[in-house]
Amino acid sequence: MAIESSPAALPPAQLEIWAALATLLERLPSALDAQLQRDSGLTHFEHGLLYALDTAPDRSLRMSVLADFASATLSRLSRAVTRLEAKGWVRREPDPGDGRITLASLTEEGHRAVARAAPAHHALVQQLVFDTLSDAQARQLGVISRRIAEAVDAAPTWRPPSSDDSAGGSSARRRPKPGAER
């Protein structure tokens, strides 16, 4: 009986980096979820949906666009939106321009919920990420994160609307010009 060879191990320096990244990928989402659940009754995923809707034109997005922003399947998104609808924070309605398309819209109560959640959430992000890094390290983290995310899925990573973005949230997701950040 032949023994299969084991997969090639990562070199020690890469294993050290991977161990740090894998630990971060486990700890950070848990910390964000715990704070949001405790303070706002939201998961980090649900908060991201509310934020995307809150920053969208007319606080409304097609469900497919919202799923794209959240890197979620329509099924996962639908379950989350159902929970948010039950709280009165989101409503689904047909697109007036094309009844085959469903829009998710943030209600006034949903806007108040995301506004209440934001200060504590932003404080935790500041504490856990930005207070631990220099400005140069934080910028590099952004570049590295986008590179890895786009290696996983070639779709452009989400970017918040900038002050010079005349279309607001509608063009918030775009791929940087080649070489612009590398």
C-alpha atoms as a PDB file:
ATOM      1  CA  MET A   1       0.000   0.000   0.000  1.00  0.00           C
ATOM      2  CA  ALA A   2       1.481   3.329  -1.080  1.00  0.00           C
ATOM      3  CA  ILE A   3       1.492   6.170   1.382  1.00  0.00           C
ATOM      4  CA  GLU A   4       0.435   9.453  -0.109  1.00  0.00           C
ATOM      5  CA  SER A   5       2.877  12.237   0.435  1.00  0.00           C
ATOM      6  CA  SER A   6       1.694  15.100   2.582  1.00  0.00           C
ATOM      7  CA  PRO A   7       1.119  18.459   0.972  1.00  0.00           C
ATOM      8  CA  ALA A   8       4.113  20.733   0.889  1.00  0.00           C
ATOM      9  CA  ALA A   9       4.379  22.681   4.097  1.00  0.00           C
ATOM     10  CA  LEU A  10       4.606  26.426   4.075  1.00  0.00           C
ATOM     11  CA  PRO A  11       8.097  27.732   4.728  1.00  0.00           C
ATOM     12  CA  PRO A  12       8.490  28.780   8.388  1.00  0.00           C
ATOM     13  CA  ALA A  13       8.333  32.531   7.651  1.00  0.00           C
ATOM     14  CA  GLN A  14       5.109  32.112   5.644  1.00  0.00           C
ATOM     15  CA  LEU A  15       3.626  29.805   8.275  1.00  0.00           C
ATOM     16  CA  GLU A  16       4.292  32.496  10.903  1.00  0.00           C
ATOM     17  CA  ILE A  17       2.476  35.113   8.786  1.00  0.00           C
ATOM     18  CA  TRP A  18      -0.377  32.733   7.987  1.00  0.00           C
ATOM     19  CA  ALA A  19      -0.800  31.862  11.679  1.00  0.00           C
ATOM     20  CA  ALA A  20      -1.132  35.559  12.513  1.00  0.00           C
ATOM     21  CA  LEU A  21      -3.632  36.184   9.694  1.00  0.00           C
ATOM     22  CA  ALA A  22      -5.689  33.071  10.489  1.00  0.00           C
ATOM     23  CA  THR A  23      -5.864  34.121  14.149  1.00  0.00           C
ATOM     24  CA  LEU A  24      -6.993  37.620  13.114  1.00  0.00           C
ATOM     25  CA  LEU A  25      -9.667  36.128  10.835  1.00  0.00           C
ATOM     26  CA  GLU A  26     -11.070  34.223  13.832  1.00  0.00           C
ATOM     27  CA  ARG A  27     -10.795  36.902  16.510  1.00  0.00           C
ATOM     28  CA  LEU A  28     -11.819  40.137  14.776  1.00  0.00           C
ATOM     29  CA  PRO A  29     -15.243  39.018  13.470  1.00  0.00           C
ATOM     30  CA  SER A  30     -16.075  37.555  16.886  1.00  0.00           C
ATOM     31  CA  ALA A  31     -15.123  40.792  18.653  1.00  0.00           C
ATOM     32  CA  LEU A  32     -17.156  42.914  16.209  1.00  0.00           C
ATOM     33  CA  ASP A  33     -20.189  40.627  16.456  1.00  0.00           C
ATOM     34  CA  ALA A  34     -20.031  40.528  20.268  1.00  0.00           C
ATOM     35  CA  GLN A  35     -19.960  44.330  20.574  1.00  0.00           C
ATOM     36  CA  LEU A  36     -22.753  44.886  18.059  1.00  0.00           C
ATOM     37  CA  GLN A  37     -24.934  42.132  19.563  1.00  0.00           C
ATOM     38  CA  ARG A  38     -24.426  43.475  23.085  1.00  0.00           C
ATOM     39  CA  ASP A  39     -24.974  47.140  22.239  1.00  0.00           C
ATOM     40  CA  SER A  40     -27.388  47.020  19.295  1.00  0.00           C
ATOM     41  CA  GLY A  41     -28.842  43.536  18.846  1.00  0.00           C
ATOM     42  CA  LEU A  42     -27.175  43.271  15.428  1.00  0.00           C
ATOM     43  CA  THR A  43     -24.637  40.982  13.855  1.00  0.00           C
ATOM     44  CA  HIS A  44     -21.732  42.579  12.015  1.00  0.00           C
ATOM     45  CA  PHE A  45     -23.292  41.293   8.769  1.00  0.00           C
ATOM     46  CA  GLU A  46     -26.646  42.947   9.556  1.00  0.00           C
ATOM     47  CA  HIS A  47     -24.903  46.191  10.528  1.00  0.00           C
ATOM     48  CA  GLY A  48     -23.107  46.150   7.178  1.00  0.00           C
ATOM     49  CA  LEU A  49     -26.420  45.761   5.359  1.00  0.00           C
ATOM     50  CA  LEU A  50     -27.987  48.644   7.276  1.00  0.00           C
ATOM     51  CA  TYR A  51     -24.920  50.807   6.630  1.00  0.00           C
ATOM     52  CA  ALA A  52     -24.982  50.025   2.889  1.00  0.00           C
ATOM     53  CA  LEU A  53     -28.661  50.980   2.716  1.00  0.00           C
ATOM     54  CA  ASP A  54     -28.139  54.076   4.868  1.00  0.00           C
ATOM     55  CA  THR A  55     -25.448  55.400   2.503  1.00  0.00           C
ATOM     56  CA  ALA A  56     -27.272  54.468  -0.726  1.00  0.00           C
ATOM     57  CA  PRO A  57     -29.262  57.006  -2.739  1.00  0.00           C
ATOM     58  CA  ASP A  58     -32.795  57.135  -1.326  1.00  0.00           C
ATOM     59  CA  ARG A  59     -31.614  54.546   1.263  1.00  0.00           C
ATOM     60  CA  SER A  60     -32.609  51.814  -1.166  1.00  0.00           C
ATOM     61  CA  LEU A  61     -30.755  49.160  -3.198  1.00  0.00           C
ATOM     62  CA  ARG A  62     -31.677  46.243  -5.399  1.00  0.00           C
ATOM     63  CA  MET A  63     -31.402  43.025  -3.406  1.00  0.00           C
ATOM     64  CA  SER A  64     -28.831  41.728  -5.912  1.00  0.00           C
ATOM     65  CA  VAL A  65     -26.677  44.854  -5.453  1.00  0.00           C
ATOM     66  CA  LEU A  66     -26.960  44.601  -1.663  1.00  0.00           C
ATOM     67  CA  ALA A  67     -25.895  40.942  -1.870  1.00  0.00           C
ATOM     68  CA  ASP A  68     -22.912  41.986  -3.972  1.00  0.00           C
ATOM     69  CA  PHE A  69     -21.910  44.659  -1.431  1.00  0.00           C
ATOM     70  CA  ALA A  70     -22.162  42.100   1.369  1.00  0.00           C
ATOM     71  CA  SER A  71     -20.420  39.303  -0.567  1.00  0.00           C
ATOM     72  CA  ALA A  72     -23.448  37.184   0.271  1.00  0.00           C
ATOM     73  CA  THR A  73     -25.676  34.793  -1.569  1.00  0.00           C
ATOM     74  CA  LEU A  74     -29.216  35.992  -2.217  1.00  0.00           C
ATOM     75  CA  SER A  75     -30.398  33.275   0.164  1.00  0.00           C
ATOM     76  CA  ARG A  76     -28.220  34.496   3.063  1.00  0.00           C
ATOM     77  CA  LEU A  77     -29.173  38.080   2.309  1.00  0.00           C
ATOM     78  CA  SER A  78     -32.880  37.218   2.199  1.00  0.00           C
ATOM     79  CA  ARG A  79     -32.724  35.568   5.637  1.00  0.00           C
ATOM     80  CA  ALA A  80     -30.934  38.617   7.109  1.00  0.00           C
ATOM     81  CA  VAL A  81     -33.362  41.060   5.489  1.00  0.00           C
ATOM     82  CA  THR A  82     -36.263  39.005   6.877  1.00  0.00           C
ATOM     83  CA  ARG A  83     -34.803  39.481  10.397  1.00  0.00           C
ATOM     84  CA  LEU A  84     -34.351  43.212   9.782  1.00  0.00           C
ATOM     85  CA  GLU A  85     -37.899  43.490   8.411  1.00  0.00           C
ATOM     86  CA  ALA A  86     -39.231  41.853  11.593  1.00  0.00           C
ATOM     87  CA  LYS A  87     -37.554  44.646  13.575  1.00  0.00           C
ATOM     88  CA  GLY A  88     -39.106  47.262  11.279  1.00  0.00           C
ATOM     89  CA  TRP A  89     -35.715  48.431  10.020  1.00  0.00           C
ATOM     90  CA  VAL A  90     -35.918  47.344   6.370  1.00  0.00           C
ATOM     91  CA  ARG A  91     -38.735  46.775   3.912  1.00  0.00           C
ATOM     92  CA  ARG A  92     -38.787  44.991   0.582  1.00  0.00           C
ATOM     93  CA  GLU A  93     -40.764  46.348  -2.332  1.00  0.00           C
ATOM     94  CA  PRO A  94     -40.889  45.943  -6.099  1.00  0.00           C
ATOM     95  CA  ASP A  95     -38.758  48.353  -8.091  1.00  0.00           C
ATOM     96  CA  PRO A  96     -41.205  50.907  -9.575  1.00  0.00           C
ATOM     97  CA  GLY A  97     -39.165  50.902 -12.809  1.00  0.00           C
ATOM     98  CA  ASP A  98     -39.070  47.114 -13.132  1.00  0.00           C
ATOM     99  CA  GLY A  99     -41.484  45.060 -11.042  1.00  0.00           C
ATOM    100  CA  ARG A 100     -39.368  41.930 -11.515  1.00  0.00           C
ATOM    101  CA  ILE A 101     -36.678  43.471  -9.287  1.00  0.00           C
ATOM    102  CA  THR A 102     -36.937  43.662  -5.512  1.00  0.00           C
ATOM    103  CA  LEU A 103     -35.589  46.668  -3.637  1.00  0.00           C
ATOM    104  CA  ALA A 104     -34.485  46.673  -0.022  1.00  0.00           C
ATOM    105  CA  SER A 105     -35.173  50.026   1.598  1.00  0.00           C
ATOM    106  CA  LEU A 106     -34.099  51.324   4.981  1.00  0.00           C
ATOM    107  CA  THR A 107     -36.950  52.592   7.127  1.00  0.00           C
ATOM    108  CA  GLU A 108     -36.681  55.656   9.332  1.00  0.00           C
ATOM    109  CA  GLU A 109     -36.411  53.328  12.349  1.00  0.00           C
ATOM    110  CA  GLY A 110     -33.650  51.426  10.525  1.00  0.00           C
ATOM    111  CA  HIS A 111     -31.797  54.686   9.967  1.00  0.00           C
ATOM    112  CA  ARG A 112     -32.079  55.468  13.685  1.00  0.00           C
ATOM    113  CA  ALA A 113     -30.853  51.944  14.543  1.00  0.00           C
ATOM    114  CA  VAL A 114     -27.719  52.222  12.408  1.00  0.00           C
ATOM    115  CA  ALA A 115     -27.086  55.744  13.730  1.00  0.00           C
ATOM    116  CA  ARG A 116     -27.337  54.435  17.323  1.00  0.00           C
ATOM    117  CA  ALA A 117     -25.017  51.499  16.573  1.00  0.00           C
ATOM    118  CA  ALA A 118     -22.345  53.487  14.747  1.00  0.00           C
ATOM    119  CA  PRO A 119     -20.525  55.319  17.586  1.00  0.00           C
ATOM    120  CA  ALA A 120     -19.718  52.232  19.686  1.00  0.00           C
ATOM    121  CA  HIS A 121     -18.919  50.165  16.586  1.00  0.00           C
ATOM    122  CA  HIS A 122     -16.595  52.824  15.186  1.00  0.00           C
ATOM    123  CA  ALA A 123     -14.924  53.184  18.597  1.00  0.00           C
ATOM    124  CA  LEU A 124     -14.195  49.439  18.678  1.00  0.00           C
ATOM    125  CA  VAL A 125     -12.818  49.472  15.115  1.00  0.00           C
ATOM    126  CA  GLN A 126     -10.653  52.459  16.076  1.00  0.00           C
ATOM    127  CA  GLN A 127      -9.404  50.673  19.195  1.00  0.00           C
ATOM    128  CA  LEU A 128      -8.748  47.262  17.649  1.00  0.00           C
ATOM    129  CA  VAL A 129      -7.389  48.311  14.256  1.00  0.00           C
ATOM    130  CA  PHE A 130      -6.307  51.918  13.919  1.00  0.00           C
ATOM    131  CA  ASP A 131      -4.965  52.536  17.421  1.00  0.00           C
ATOM    132  CA  THR A 132      -2.643  49.531  17.002  1.00  0.00           C
ATOM    133  CA  LEU A 133      -1.157  50.690  13.676  1.00  0.00           C
ATOM    134  CA  SER A 134       0.731  53.682  12.364  1.00  0.00           C
ATOM    135  CA  ASP A 135      -0.931  55.640   9.547  1.00  0.00           C
ATOM    136  CA  ALA A 136       1.460  54.015   7.050  1.00  0.00           C
ATOM    137  CA  GLN A 137       0.678  50.531   8.395  1.00  0.00           C
ATOM    138  CA  ALA A 138      -3.062  51.226   8.186  1.00  0.00           C
ATOM    139  CA  ARG A 139      -2.756  52.310   4.543  1.00  0.00           C
ATOM    140  CA  GLN A 140      -0.679  49.204   3.788  1.00  0.00           C
ATOM    141  CA  LEU A 141      -3.289  47.031   5.535  1.00  0.00           C
ATOM    142  CA  GLY A 142      -5.906  48.457   3.161  1.00  0.00           C
ATOM    143  CA  VAL A 143      -3.794  47.656   0.107  1.00  0.00           C
ATOM    144  CA  ILE A 144      -2.977  44.144   1.355  1.00  0.00           C
ATOM    145  CA  SER A 145      -6.582  43.421   2.315  1.00  0.00           C
ATOM    146  CA  ARG A 146      -7.877  44.445  -1.117  1.00  0.00           C
ATOM    147  CA  ARG A 147      -5.236  42.325  -2.869  1.00  0.00           C
ATOM    148  CA  ILE A 148      -6.152  39.227  -0.883  1.00  0.00           C
ATOM    149  CA  ALA A 149      -9.899  39.847  -1.238  1.00  0.00           C
ATOM    150  CA  GLU A 150      -9.566  40.225  -5.002  1.00  0.00           C
ATOM    151  CA  ALA A 151      -7.408  37.070  -5.195  1.00  0.00           C
ATOM    152  CA  VAL A 152     -10.307  35.223  -3.548  1.00  0.00           C
ATOM    153  CA  ASP A 153     -12.937  36.861  -5.784  1.00  0.00           C
ATOM    154  CA  ALA A 154     -12.055  39.074  -8.738  1.00  0.00           C
ATOM    155  CA  ALA A 155     -15.049  41.316  -8.049  1.00  0.00           C
ATOM    156  CA  PRO A 156     -13.957  44.761  -6.898  1.00  0.00           C
ATOM    157  CA  THR A 157     -13.906  45.325  -3.176  1.00  0.00           C
ATOM    158  CA  TRP A 158     -16.446  47.641  -1.569  1.00  0.00           C
ATOM    159  CA  ARG A 159     -15.289  51.175  -0.981  1.00  0.00           C
ATOM    160  CA  PRO A 160     -17.206  53.855   0.868  1.00  0.00           C
ATOM    161  CA  PRO A 161     -18.400  56.807  -1.174  1.00  0.00           C
ATOM    162  CA  SER A 162     -15.873  59.623  -1.131  1.00  0.00           C
ATOM    163  CA  SER A 163     -16.703  63.278  -0.707  1.00  0.00           C
ATOM    164  CA  ASP A 164     -15.901  63.850  -4.407  1.00  0.00           C
ATOM    165  CA  ASP A 165     -18.156  60.957  -5.503  1.00  0.00           C
ATOM    166  CA  SER A 166     -21.020  62.838  -7.120  1.00  0.00           C
ATOM    167  CA  ALA A 167     -23.135  59.687  -7.403  1.00  0.00           C
ATOM    168  CA  GLY A 168     -22.942  58.940  -3.682  1.00  0.00           C
ATOM    169  CA  GLY A 169     -23.280  55.301  -2.708  1.00  0.00           C
ATOM    170  CA  SER A 170     -24.234  54.105  -6.177  1.00  0.00           C
ATOM    171  CA  SER A 171     -20.631  53.992  -7.378  1.00  0.00           C
ATOM    172  CA  ALA A 172     -19.171  53.010  -4.036  1.00  0.00           C
ATOM    173  CA  ARG A 173     -18.042  49.664  -5.397  1.00  0.00           C
ATOM    174  CA  ARG A 174     -15.413  50.013  -8.060  1.00  0.00           C
ATOM    175  CA  ARG A 175     -12.090  48.509  -9.028  1.00  0.00           C
ATOM    176  CA  PRO A 176      -9.095  50.824  -8.660  1.00  0.00           C
ATOM    177  CA  LYS A 177      -7.221  51.748 -11.809  1.00  0.00           C
ATOM    178  CA  PRO A 178      -4.538  49.137 -12.526  1.00  0.00           C
ATOM    179  CA  GLY A 179      -1.398  49.971 -10.599  1.00  0.00           C
ATOM    180  CA  ALA A 180      -3.073  52.778  -8.662  1.00  0.00           C
ATOM    181  CA  GLU A 181      -2.543  51.088  -5.322  1.00  0.00           C
ATOM    182  CA  ARG A 182       0.164  48.587  -5.933  1.00  0.00           C
END
